[in-house]
Amino acid sequence: MMSNFETGQLDSIIVGCALPIINQDLKKLLNQDGKLFVVVGSKNQMHATLVTRLNDSEWKSKSLFETHLDLMKGSEPSVKFTF
């Protein structure tokens, strides 16, 4: 795999923990036809997702299966006070 962090282009990215949403900046790191594997969601509603970059401004996402992983540290939802 060739990568160039100065221009932010990678052929593949695998995120080893869950994210509540897929950040646009993460998707922009992909080359055209590059692939991103990430688990997206929260609590009991997580899906393994494969994102493919089609061109400079378009991506295709495909949900592969339901699963559960710990959320990335710092991306956890804030605790809301309730009675």
Protein backbone atom coordinates (compact mmCIF):
# COMPACT_ATOMS: atom_id res chain seq x y z
CA MET A 1 0.00 0.00 0.00
CA MET A 2 1.31 3.40 -0.96
CA SER A 3 0.36 6.37 1.14
CA ASN A 4 1.07 10.06 1.02
CA PHE A 5 0.03 11.87 4.20
CA GLU A 6 0.97 15.27 2.76
CA THR A 7 -1.85 15.00 0.22
CA GLY A 8 -3.89 12.71 2.46
CA GLN A 9 -4.34 9.83 0.06
CA LEU A 10 -4.57 6.22 1.19
CA ASP A 11 -5.67 3.08 -0.62
CA SER A 12 -7.27 1.52 2.45
CA ILE A 13 -8.16 2.42 6.03
CA ILE A 14 -9.36 0.07 8.77
CA VAL A 15 -10.70 1.63 11.96
CA GLY A 16 -10.40 -0.82 14.87
CA CYS A 17 -13.10 0.74 17.06
CA ALA A 18 -16.59 2.11 16.53
CA LEU A 19 -17.44 5.69 15.58
CA PRO A 20 -20.82 7.37 16.09
CA ILE A 21 -20.64 8.76 12.51
CA ILE A 22 -18.15 8.63 9.64
CA ASN A 23 -16.23 11.89 9.61
CA GLN A 24 -15.86 13.54 6.16
CA ASP A 25 -12.16 14.18 6.87
CA LEU A 26 -11.60 10.45 7.30
CA LYS A 27 -13.28 9.71 3.96
CA LYS A 28 -11.22 12.42 2.24
CA LEU A 29 -8.04 10.50 3.14
CA LEU A 30 -8.95 7.86 0.53
CA ASN A 31 -7.63 7.68 -3.04
CA GLN A 32 -10.15 7.21 -5.82
CA ASP A 33 -11.33 3.57 -5.51
CA GLY A 34 -9.84 3.51 -1.97
CA LYS A 35 -11.75 1.63 0.74
CA LEU A 36 -12.57 2.44 4.37
CA PHE A 37 -13.79 -0.25 6.79
CA VAL A 38 -15.39 1.14 9.95
CA VAL A 39 -18.04 0.16 12.49
CA VAL A 40 -20.59 2.97 12.77
CA GLY A 41 -23.35 3.61 15.30
CA SER A 42 -23.94 3.65 19.03
CA LYS A 43 -24.94 1.23 21.78
CA ASN A 44 -26.78 -1.74 20.23
CA GLN A 45 -27.19 -0.22 16.76
CA MET A 46 -23.79 -0.66 15.10
CA HIS A 47 -23.05 -1.73 11.55
CA ALA A 48 -19.79 -2.72 9.89
CA THR A 49 -19.58 -0.40 6.90
CA LEU A 50 -17.44 -0.37 3.76
CA VAL A 51 -16.94 3.04 2.13
CA THR A 52 -15.48 3.34 -1.38
CA ARG A 53 -14.32 6.64 -2.86
CA LEU A 54 -15.80 7.04 -6.34
CA ASN A 55 -14.24 10.42 -7.26
CA ASP A 56 -13.18 13.70 -5.64
CA SER A 57 -16.61 14.41 -4.18
CA GLU A 58 -18.52 11.09 -4.08
CA TRP A 59 -18.37 8.02 -1.86
CA LYS A 60 -20.43 4.84 -1.78
CA SER A 61 -21.27 3.26 1.61
CA LYS A 62 -22.44 -0.31 2.09
CA SER A 63 -23.60 -1.76 5.40
CA LEU A 64 -22.10 -5.26 5.69
CA PHE A 65 -23.45 -6.67 8.98
CA GLU A 66 -24.56 -5.74 12.50
CA THR A 67 -21.94 -5.92 15.23
CA HIS A 68 -20.71 -4.21 18.39
CA LEU A 69 -17.36 -2.61 19.26
CA ASP A 70 -16.28 -0.12 21.90
CA LEU A 71 -16.53 3.49 20.75
CA MET A 72 -13.32 5.36 19.98
CA LYS A 73 -12.09 7.14 23.10
CA GLY A 74 -13.22 10.74 22.95
CA SER A 75 -16.11 10.05 20.57
CA GLU A 76 -18.50 8.77 23.22
CA PRO A 77 -21.81 10.67 23.46
CA SER A 78 -21.94 13.14 26.32
CA VAL A 79 -23.85 12.08 29.41
CA LYS A 80 -27.12 13.99 29.70
CA PHE A 81 -28.60 14.70 33.10
CA THR A 82 -32.16 13.40 33.56
CA PHE A 83 -34.47 12.96 36.53
